[in-house]
């Protein structure tokens, strides 16, 4: 049995899913959709936390790689200067 009341609500993403669910589906299907929506809302903080952790790990990894490359460049430059001084001392 279809409920004759029509609702023009939109879900959080603005896709209109709520409108379709309330306007065309039977009442017992809408109740199940509401439970799925509640579960989705309950999972959002966990998904957000995991996303932030993943981005944090990526940034930390990139920073570590950048620091390692910078240290390697400094070491190479210092060795080059040392070699130049040694060769200058030997040839003079």
PDB file of N, CA and C in Angstrom:
ATOM      1  N   UNK A   1       0.851  -1.174   0.000  1.00  0.00           N
ATOM      2  CA  UNK A   1       0.000   0.000   0.000  1.00  0.00           C
ATOM      3  C   UNK A   1       0.897   1.238   0.000  1.00  0.00           C
ATOM      4  N   UNK A   2       0.600   2.142  -0.895  1.00  0.00           N
ATOM      5  CA  UNK A   2       1.360   3.381  -0.968  1.00  0.00           C
ATOM      6  C   UNK A   2       0.749   4.431  -0.077  1.00  0.00           C
ATOM      7  N   UNK A   3       1.578   5.172   0.589  1.00  0.00           N
ATOM      8  CA  UNK A   3       1.130   6.286   1.408  1.00  0.00           C
ATOM      9  C   UNK A   3       0.900   7.469   0.478  1.00  0.00           C
ATOM     10  N   UNK A   4      -0.200   8.146   0.601  1.00  0.00           N
ATOM     11  CA  UNK A   4      -0.549   9.233  -0.310  1.00  0.00           C
ATOM     12  C   UNK A   4       0.166  10.538   0.001  1.00  0.00           C
ATOM     13  N   UNK A   5       0.762  10.656   1.162  1.00  0.00           N
ATOM     14  CA  UNK A   5       1.471  11.894   1.481  1.00  0.00           C
ATOM     15  C   UNK A   5       2.789  11.925   0.730  1.00  0.00           C
ATOM     16  N   UNK A   6       3.070  13.047   0.150  1.00  0.00           N
ATOM     17  CA  UNK A   6       4.305  13.215  -0.617  1.00  0.00           C
ATOM     18  C   UNK A   6       5.252  14.116   0.164  1.00  0.00           C
ATOM     19  N   UNK A   7       6.505  13.752   0.190  1.00  0.00           N
ATOM     20  CA  UNK A   7       7.496  14.533   0.899  1.00  0.00           C
ATOM     21  C   UNK A   7       8.529  15.036  -0.098  1.00  0.00           C
ATOM     22  N   UNK A   8       8.933  16.274   0.064  1.00  0.00           N
ATOM     23  CA  UNK A   8       9.921  16.858  -0.837  1.00  0.00           C
ATOM     24  C   UNK A   8      11.217  17.143  -0.091  1.00  0.00           C
ATOM     25  N   UNK A   9      11.612  16.217   0.747  1.00  0.00           N
ATOM     26  CA  UNK A   9      12.866  16.360   1.482  1.00  0.00           C
ATOM     27  C   UNK A   9      14.004  15.850   0.607  1.00  0.00           C
ATOM     28  N   UNK A  10      15.167  16.398   0.829  1.00  0.00           N
ATOM     29  CA  UNK A  10      16.356  15.919   0.137  1.00  0.00           C
ATOM     30  C   UNK A  10      17.347  15.441   1.181  1.00  0.00           C
ATOM     31  N   UNK A  11      18.140  14.439   0.794  1.00  0.00           N
ATOM     32  CA  UNK A  11      19.110  13.917   1.754  1.00  0.00           C
ATOM     33  C   UNK A  11      20.299  14.862   1.853  1.00  0.00           C
ATOM     34  N   UNK A  12      21.259  14.523   2.705  1.00  0.00           N
ATOM     35  CA  UNK A  12      22.384  15.400   2.982  1.00  0.00           C
ATOM     36  C   UNK A  12      23.229  15.724   1.769  1.00  0.00           C
ATOM     37  N   UNK A  13      23.347  14.797   0.823  1.00  0.00           N
ATOM     38  CA  UNK A  13      24.172  15.036  -0.352  1.00  0.00           C
ATOM     39  C   UNK A  13      23.418  15.813  -1.417  1.00  0.00           C
ATOM     40  N   UNK A  14      22.126  15.993  -1.248  1.00  0.00           N
ATOM     41  CA  UNK A  14      21.335  16.743  -2.207  1.00  0.00           C
ATOM     42  C   UNK A  14      21.032  15.974  -3.479  1.00  0.00           C
ATOM     43  N   UNK A  15      21.050  14.648  -3.422  1.00  0.00           N
ATOM     44  CA  UNK A  15      20.810  13.854  -4.624  1.00  0.00           C
ATOM     45  C   UNK A  15      19.330  13.593  -4.860  1.00  0.00           C
ATOM     46  N   UNK A  16      18.504  13.868  -3.893  1.00  0.00           N
ATOM     47  CA  UNK A  16      17.078  13.644  -4.055  1.00  0.00           C
ATOM     48  C   UNK A  16      16.650  12.232  -3.723  1.00  0.00           C
ATOM     49  N   UNK A  17      17.514  11.433  -3.142  1.00  0.00           N
ATOM     50  CA  UNK A  17      17.192  10.048  -2.807  1.00  0.00           C
ATOM     51  C   UNK A  17      16.016   9.986  -1.837  1.00  0.00           C
ATOM     52  N   UNK A  18      15.971  10.888  -0.876  1.00  0.00           N
ATOM     53  CA  UNK A  18      14.890  10.896   0.106  1.00  0.00           C
ATOM     54  C   UNK A  18      13.552  11.178  -0.567  1.00  0.00           C
ATOM     55  N   UNK A  19      13.534  12.073  -1.528  1.00  0.00           N
ATOM     56  CA  UNK A  19      12.296  12.385  -2.245  1.00  0.00           C
ATOM     57  C   UNK A  19      11.771  11.142  -2.953  1.00  0.00           C
ATOM     58  N   UNK A  20      12.631  10.435  -3.638  1.00  0.00           N
ATOM     59  CA  UNK A  20      12.198   9.239  -4.365  1.00  0.00           C
ATOM     60  C   UNK A  20      11.701   8.184  -3.384  1.00  0.00           C
ATOM     61  N   UNK A  21      12.405   8.009  -2.284  1.00  0.00           N
ATOM     62  CA  UNK A  21      12.023   6.990  -1.311  1.00  0.00           C
ATOM     63  C   UNK A  21      10.659   7.306  -0.692  1.00  0.00           C
ATOM     64  N   UNK A  22      10.414   8.551  -0.372  1.00  0.00           N
ATOM     65  CA  UNK A  22       9.157   8.854   0.306  1.00  0.00           C
ATOM     66  C   UNK A  22       7.999   8.998  -0.668  1.00  0.00           C
ATOM     67  N   UNK A  23       8.269   9.391  -1.889  1.00  0.00           N
ATOM     68  CA  UNK A  23       7.168   9.641  -2.811  1.00  0.00           C
ATOM     69  C   UNK A  23       6.684   8.365  -3.496  1.00  0.00           C
ATOM     70  N   UNK A  24       7.552   7.393  -3.724  1.00  0.00           N
ATOM     71  CA  UNK A  24       7.164   6.264  -4.558  1.00  0.00           C
ATOM     72  C   UNK A  24       7.115   4.914  -3.838  1.00  0.00           C
ATOM     73  N   UNK A  25       7.788   4.772  -2.734  1.00  0.00           N
ATOM     74  CA  UNK A  25       7.877   3.471  -2.083  1.00  0.00           C
ATOM     75  C   UNK A  25       6.816   3.282  -1.009  1.00  0.00           C
ATOM     76  N   UNK A  26       6.455   2.027  -0.744  1.00  0.00           N
ATOM     77  CA  UNK A  26       5.524   1.735   0.344  1.00  0.00           C
ATOM     78  C   UNK A  26       6.131   2.113   1.695  1.00  0.00           C
ATOM     79  N   UNK A  27       5.258   2.242   2.676  1.00  0.00           N
ATOM     80  CA  UNK A  27       5.664   2.705   3.994  1.00  0.00           C
ATOM     81  C   UNK A  27       6.716   1.778   4.607  1.00  0.00           C
ATOM     82  N   UNK A  28       6.536   0.466   4.514  1.00  0.00           N
ATOM     83  CA  UNK A  28       7.485  -0.446   5.149  1.00  0.00           C
ATOM     84  C   UNK A  28       8.861  -0.382   4.474  1.00  0.00           C
ATOM     85  N   UNK A  29       8.939  -0.032   3.201  1.00  0.00           N
ATOM     86  CA  UNK A  29      10.232   0.134   2.550  1.00  0.00           C
ATOM     87  C   UNK A  29      10.906   1.421   3.022  1.00  0.00           C
ATOM     88  N   UNK A  30      10.117   2.440   3.252  1.00  0.00           N
ATOM     89  CA  UNK A  30      10.689   3.699   3.730  1.00  0.00           C
ATOM     90  C   UNK A  30      11.262   3.546   5.129  1.00  0.00           C
ATOM     91  N   UNK A  31      10.643   2.723   5.960  1.00  0.00           N
ATOM     92  CA  UNK A  31      11.162   2.502   7.309  1.00  0.00           C
ATOM     93  C   UNK A  31      12.521   1.811   7.227  1.00  0.00           C
ATOM     94  N   UNK A  32      12.667   0.844   6.330  1.00  0.00           N
ATOM     95  CA  UNK A  32      13.949   0.165   6.162  1.00  0.00           C
ATOM     96  C   UNK A  32      15.002   1.138   5.639  1.00  0.00           C
ATOM     97  N   UNK A  33      14.612   2.022   4.747  1.00  0.00           N
ATOM     98  CA  UNK A  33      15.557   3.015   4.216  1.00  0.00           C
ATOM     99  C   UNK A  33      15.991   3.968   5.316  1.00  0.00           C
ATOM    100  N   UNK A  34      15.086   4.283   6.221  1.00  0.00           N
ATOM    101  CA  UNK A  34      15.447   5.144   7.338  1.00  0.00           C
ATOM    102  C   UNK A  34      16.470   4.488   8.245  1.00  0.00           C
ATOM    103  N   UNK A  35      16.361   3.170   8.430  1.00  0.00           N
ATOM    104  CA  UNK A  35      17.349   2.459   9.244  1.00  0.00           C
ATOM    105  C   UNK A  35      18.711   2.443   8.558  1.00  0.00           C
ATOM    106  N   UNK A  36      18.717   2.280   7.232  1.00  0.00           N
ATOM    107  CA  UNK A  36      19.989   2.325   6.507  1.00  0.00           C
ATOM    108  C   UNK A  36      20.602   3.716   6.620  1.00  0.00           C
ATOM    109  N   UNK A  37      19.771   4.735   6.583  1.00  0.00           N
ATOM    110  CA  UNK A  37      20.266   6.097   6.731  1.00  0.00           C
ATOM    111  C   UNK A  37      20.871   6.324   8.103  1.00  0.00           C
ATOM    112  N   UNK A  38      20.237   5.732   9.140  1.00  0.00           N
ATOM    113  CA  UNK A  38      20.770   5.866  10.493  1.00  0.00           C
ATOM    114  C   UNK A  38      22.114   5.154  10.613  1.00  0.00           C
ATOM    115  N   UNK A  39      22.234   3.993   9.980  1.00  0.00           N
ATOM    116  CA  UNK A  39      23.512   3.268  10.008  1.00  0.00           C
ATOM    117  C   UNK A  39      24.579   4.047   9.257  1.00  0.00           C
ATOM    118  N   UNK A  40      24.186   4.662   8.148  1.00  0.00           N
ATOM    119  CA  UNK A  40      25.141   5.456   7.375  1.00  0.00           C
ATOM    120  C   UNK A  40      25.613   6.652   8.194  1.00  0.00           C
ATOM    121  N   UNK A  41      24.685   7.296   8.893  1.00  0.00           N
ATOM    122  CA  UNK A  41      25.066   8.438   9.727  1.00  0.00           C
ATOM    123  C   UNK A  41      25.961   7.994  10.877  1.00  0.00           C
ATOM    124  N   UNK A  42      25.752   6.784  11.389  1.00  0.00           N
ATOM    125  CA  UNK A  42      26.578   6.280  12.481  1.00  0.00           C
ATOM    126  C   UNK A  42      27.976   5.930  11.992  1.00  0.00           C
ATOM    127  N   UNK A  43      28.124   5.526  10.724  1.00  0.00           N
ATOM    128  CA  UNK A  43      29.424   5.151  10.177  1.00  0.00           C
ATOM    129  C   UNK A  43      30.243   6.354   9.717  1.00  0.00           C
ATOM    130  N   UNK A  44      29.624   7.483   9.510  1.00  0.00           N
ATOM    131  CA  UNK A  44      30.339   8.640   8.975  1.00  0.00           C
ATOM    132  C   UNK A  44      31.488   9.112   9.857  1.00  0.00           C
ATOM    133  N   UNK A  45      31.340   9.201  11.170  1.00  0.00           N
ATOM    134  CA  UNK A  45      32.495   9.632  11.979  1.00  0.00           C
ATOM    135  C   UNK A  45      33.672   8.655  11.886  1.00  0.00           C
ATOM    136  N   UNK A  46      33.382   7.365  11.849  1.00  0.00           N
ATOM    137  CA  UNK A  46      34.463   6.379  11.739  1.00  0.00           C
ATOM    138  C   UNK A  46      35.157   6.504  10.388  1.00  0.00           C
ATOM    139  N   UNK A  47      34.385   6.682   9.338  1.00  0.00           N
ATOM    140  CA  UNK A  47      34.968   6.851   8.003  1.00  0.00           C
ATOM    141  C   UNK A  47      35.810   8.119   7.936  1.00  0.00           C
ATOM    142  N   UNK A  48      35.327   9.182   8.535  1.00  0.00           N
ATOM    143  CA  UNK A  48      36.085  10.431   8.565  1.00  0.00           C
ATOM    144  C   UNK A  48      37.384  10.279   9.333  1.00  0.00           C
ATOM    145  N   UNK A  49      37.334   9.587  10.459  1.00  0.00           N
ATOM    146  CA  UNK A  49      38.536   9.381  11.262  1.00  0.00           C
ATOM    147  C   UNK A  49      39.559   8.555  10.494  1.00  0.00           C
ATOM    148  N   UNK A  50      39.114   7.492   9.844  1.00  0.00           N
ATOM    149  CA  UNK A  50      40.038   6.664   9.068  1.00  0.00           C
ATOM    150  C   UNK A  50      40.611   7.434   7.883  1.00  0.00           C
ATOM    151  N   UNK A  51      39.811   8.288   7.259  1.00  0.00           N
ATOM    152  CA  UNK A  51      40.309   9.102   6.153  1.00  0.00           C
ATOM    153  C   UNK A  51      41.382  10.065   6.628  1.00  0.00           C
ATOM    154  N   UNK A  52      41.154  10.691   7.770  1.00  0.00           N
ATOM    155  CA  UNK A  52      42.145  11.618   8.317  1.00  0.00           C
ATOM    156  C   UNK A  52      43.436  10.883   8.670  1.00  0.00           C
ATOM    157  N   UNK A  53      43.314   9.683   9.235  1.00  0.00           N
ATOM    158  CA  UNK A  53      44.506   8.893   9.547  1.00  0.00           C
ATOM    159  C   UNK A  53      45.282   8.539   8.288  1.00  0.00           C
ATOM    160  N   UNK A  54      44.579   8.146   7.237  1.00  0.00           N
ATOM    161  CA  UNK A  54      45.252   7.781   5.983  1.00  0.00           C
ATOM    162  C   UNK A  54      45.985   8.981   5.397  1.00  0.00           C
ATOM    163  N   UNK A  55      45.349  10.133   5.392  1.00  0.00           N
ATOM    164  CA  UNK A  55      46.006  11.338   4.882  1.00  0.00           C
ATOM    165  C   UNK A  55      47.197  11.706   5.757  1.00  0.00           C
ATOM    166  N   UNK A  56      47.051  11.562   7.051  1.00  0.00           N
ATOM    167  CA  UNK A  56      48.161  11.841   7.959  1.00  0.00           C
ATOM    168  C   UNK A  56      49.353  10.934   7.698  1.00  0.00           C
ATOM    169  N   UNK A  57      49.087   9.645   7.457  1.00  0.00           N
ATOM    170  CA  UNK A  57      50.184   8.724   7.154  1.00  0.00           C
ATOM    171  C   UNK A  57      50.852   9.079   5.832  1.00  0.00           C
ATOM    172  N   UNK A  58      50.074   9.493   4.844  1.00  0.00           N
ATOM    173  CA  UNK A  58      50.651   9.897   3.565  1.00  0.00           C
ATOM    174  C   UNK A  58      51.543  11.122   3.727  1.00  0.00           C
ATOM    175  N   UNK A  59      51.070  12.090   4.487  1.00  0.00           N
ATOM    176  CA  UNK A  59      51.857  13.303   4.716  1.00  0.00           C
ATOM    177  C   UNK A  59      53.132  12.968   5.486  1.00  0.00           C
ATOM    178  N   UNK A  60      53.026  12.129   6.503  1.00  0.00           N
ATOM    179  CA  UNK A  60      54.206  11.750   7.281  1.00  0.00           C
ATOM    180  C   UNK A  60      55.214  11.010   6.410  1.00  0.00           C
ATOM    181  N   UNK A  61      54.735  10.138   5.548  1.00  0.00           N
ATOM    182  CA  UNK A  61      55.618   9.401   4.654  1.00  0.00           C
ATOM    183  C   UNK A  61      56.305  10.344   3.671  1.00  0.00           C
ATOM    184  N   UNK A  62      55.553  11.288   3.120  1.00  0.00           N
ATOM    185  CA  UNK A  62      56.135  12.255   2.184  1.00  0.00           C
ATOM    186  C   UNK A  62      57.163  13.129   2.894  1.00  0.00           C
ATOM    187  N   UNK A  63      56.873  13.529   4.122  1.00  0.00           N
ATOM    188  CA  UNK A  63      57.806  14.361   4.876  1.00  0.00           C
ATOM    189  C   UNK A  63      59.087  13.594   5.154  1.00  0.00           C
ATOM    190  N   UNK A  64      58.969  12.339   5.529  1.00  0.00           N
ATOM    191  CA  UNK A  64      60.145  11.513   5.798  1.00  0.00           C
ATOM    192  C   UNK A  64      60.999  11.375   4.539  1.00  0.00           C
ATOM    193  N   UNK A  65      60.358  11.132   3.411  1.00  0.00           N
ATOM    194  CA  UNK A  65      61.103  11.003   2.158  1.00  0.00           C
ATOM    195  C   UNK A  65      61.795  12.323   1.806  1.00  0.00           C
ATOM    196  N   UNK A  66      61.124  13.432   2.014  1.00  0.00           N
ATOM    197  CA  UNK A  66      61.707  14.740   1.726  1.00  0.00           C
ATOM    198  C   UNK A  66      62.894  15.015   2.646  1.00  0.00           C
ATOM    199  N   UNK A  67      62.769  14.729   3.928  1.00  0.00           N
ATOM    200  CA  UNK A  67      63.861  14.959   4.885  1.00  0.00           C
ATOM    201  C   UNK A  67      65.053  14.067   4.536  1.00  0.00           C
ATOM    202  N   UNK A  68      64.796  12.814   4.172  1.00  0.00           N
ATOM    203  CA  UNK A  68      65.883  11.904   3.786  1.00  0.00           C
ATOM    204  C   UNK A  68      66.616  12.423   2.547  1.00  0.00           C
ATOM    205  N   UNK A  69      65.868  12.892   1.558  1.00  0.00           N
ATOM    206  CA  UNK A  69      66.491  13.419   0.340  1.00  0.00           C
ATOM    207  C   UNK A  69      67.300  14.673   0.651  1.00  0.00           C
ATOM    208  N   UNK A  70      66.782  15.545   1.510  1.00  0.00           N
ATOM    209  CA  UNK A  70      67.506  16.759   1.875  1.00  0.00           C
ATOM    210  C   UNK A  70      68.792  16.422   2.625  1.00  0.00           C
ATOM    211  N   UNK A  71      68.731  15.467   3.534  1.00  0.00           N
ATOM    212  CA  UNK A  71      69.930  15.052   4.265  1.00  0.00           C
ATOM    213  C   UNK A  71      70.971  14.436   3.331  1.00  0.00           C
ATOM    214  N   UNK A  72      70.514  13.645   2.379  1.00  0.00           N
ATOM    215  CA  UNK A  72      71.428  13.039   1.421  1.00  0.00           C
ATOM    216  C   UNK A  72      72.103  14.111   0.556  1.00  0.00           C
ATOM    217  N   UNK A  73      71.345  15.115   0.161  1.00  0.00           N
ATOM    218  CA  UNK A  73      71.910  16.211  -0.624  1.00  0.00           C
ATOM    219  C   UNK A  73      72.956  16.985   0.188  1.00  0.00           C
ATOM    220  N   UNK A  74      72.658  17.259   1.452  1.00  0.00           N
ATOM    221  CA  UNK A  74      73.620  17.964   2.312  1.00  0.00           C
ATOM    222  C   UNK A  74      74.891  17.141   2.508  1.00  0.00           C
ATOM    223  N   UNK A  75      74.732  15.832   2.699  1.00  0.00           N
ATOM    224  CA  UNK A  75      75.900  14.963   2.878  1.00  0.00           C
ATOM    225  C   UNK A  75      76.753  14.942   1.617  1.00  0.00           C
ATOM    226  N   UNK A  76      76.098  14.834   0.472  1.00  0.00           N
ATOM    227  CA  UNK A  76      76.841  14.830  -0.792  1.00  0.00           C
ATOM    228  C   UNK A  76      77.567  16.147  -1.007  1.00  0.00           C
ATOM    229  N   UNK A  77      76.933  17.255  -0.706  1.00  0.00           N
ATOM    230  CA  UNK A  77      77.575  18.565  -0.858  1.00  0.00           C
ATOM    231  C   UNK A  77      78.763  18.701   0.089  1.00  0.00           C
ATOM    232  N   UNK A  78      78.618  18.228   1.322  1.00  0.00           N
ATOM    233  CA  UNK A  78      79.720  18.303   2.289  1.00  0.00           C
ATOM    234  C   UNK A  78      80.902  17.446   1.835  1.00  0.00           C
ATOM    235  N   UNK A  79      80.624  16.263   1.293  1.00  0.00           N
ATOM    236  CA  UNK A  79      81.703  15.402   0.796  1.00  0.00           C
ATOM    237  C   UNK A  79      82.403  16.026  -0.411  1.00  0.00           C
ATOM    238  N   UNK A  80      81.646  16.696  -1.256  1.00  0.00           N
ATOM    239  CA  UNK A  80      82.222  17.367  -2.420  1.00  0.00           C
ATOM    240  C   UNK A  80      83.143  18.510  -1.987  1.00  0.00           C
ATOM    241  N   UNK A  81      82.723  19.284  -1.003  1.00  0.00           N
ATOM    242  CA  UNK A  81      83.558  20.366  -0.475  1.00  0.00           C
ATOM    243  C   UNK A  81      84.815  19.781   0.162  1.00  0.00           C
ATOM    244  N   UNK A  82      84.690  18.700   0.903  1.00  0.00           N
ATOM    245  CA  UNK A  82      85.844  18.046   1.531  1.00  0.00           C
ATOM    246  C   UNK A  82      86.814  17.538   0.471  1.00  0.00           C
ATOM    247  N   UNK A  83      86.302  16.917  -0.586  1.00  0.00           N
ATOM    248  CA  UNK A  83      87.144  16.447  -1.679  1.00  0.00           C
ATOM    249  C   UNK A  83      87.867  17.611  -2.341  1.00  0.00           C
ATOM    250  N   UNK A  84      87.153  18.711  -2.550  1.00  0.00           N
ATOM    251  CA  UNK A  84      87.783  19.898  -3.143  1.00  0.00           C
ATOM    252  C   UNK A  84      88.921  20.402  -2.271  1.00  0.00           C
ATOM    253  N   UNK A  85      88.737  20.450  -0.971  1.00  0.00           N
ATOM    254  CA  UNK A  85      89.784  20.925  -0.060  1.00  0.00           C
ATOM    255  C   UNK A  85      90.986  19.968  -0.054  1.00  0.00           C
ATOM    256  N   UNK A  86      90.716  18.665  -0.084  1.00  0.00           N
ATOM    257  CA  UNK A  86      91.797  17.689  -0.097  1.00  0.00           C
ATOM    258  C   UNK A  86      92.620  17.817  -1.389  1.00  0.00           C
ATOM    259  N   UNK A  87      91.919  17.918  -2.527  1.00  0.00           N
ATOM    260  CA  UNK A  87      92.618  18.037  -3.804  1.00  0.00           C
ATOM    261  C   UNK A  87      93.396  19.354  -3.891  1.00  0.00           C
ATOM    262  N   UNK A  88      92.828  20.417  -3.342  1.00  0.00           N
ATOM    263  CA  UNK A  88      93.524  21.705  -3.327  1.00  0.00           C
ATOM    264  C   UNK A  88      94.779  21.630  -2.480  1.00  0.00           C
ATOM    265  N   UNK A  89      94.700  20.938  -1.351  1.00  0.00           N
ATOM    266  CA  UNK A  89      95.878  20.797  -0.470  1.00  0.00           C
ATOM    267  C   UNK A  89      96.944  19.932  -1.115  1.00  0.00           C
ATOM    268  N   UNK A  90      96.550  18.896  -1.832  1.00  0.00           N
ATOM    269  CA  UNK A  90      97.501  17.987  -2.457  1.00  0.00           C
ATOM    270  C   UNK A  90      98.201  18.654  -3.632  1.00  0.00           C
ATOM    271  N   UNK A  91      97.493  19.411  -4.449  1.00  0.00           N
ATOM    272  CA  UNK A  91      98.052  19.989  -5.669  1.00  0.00           C
ATOM    273  C   UNK A  91      98.731  21.320  -5.452  1.00  0.00           C
ATOM    274  N   UNK A  92      98.658  21.879  -4.291  1.00  0.00           N
ATOM    275  CA  UNK A  92      99.333  23.162  -4.055  1.00  0.00           C
ATOM    276  C   UNK A  92     100.608  22.981  -3.363  1.00  0.00           C
TER     277      UNK A  92
END
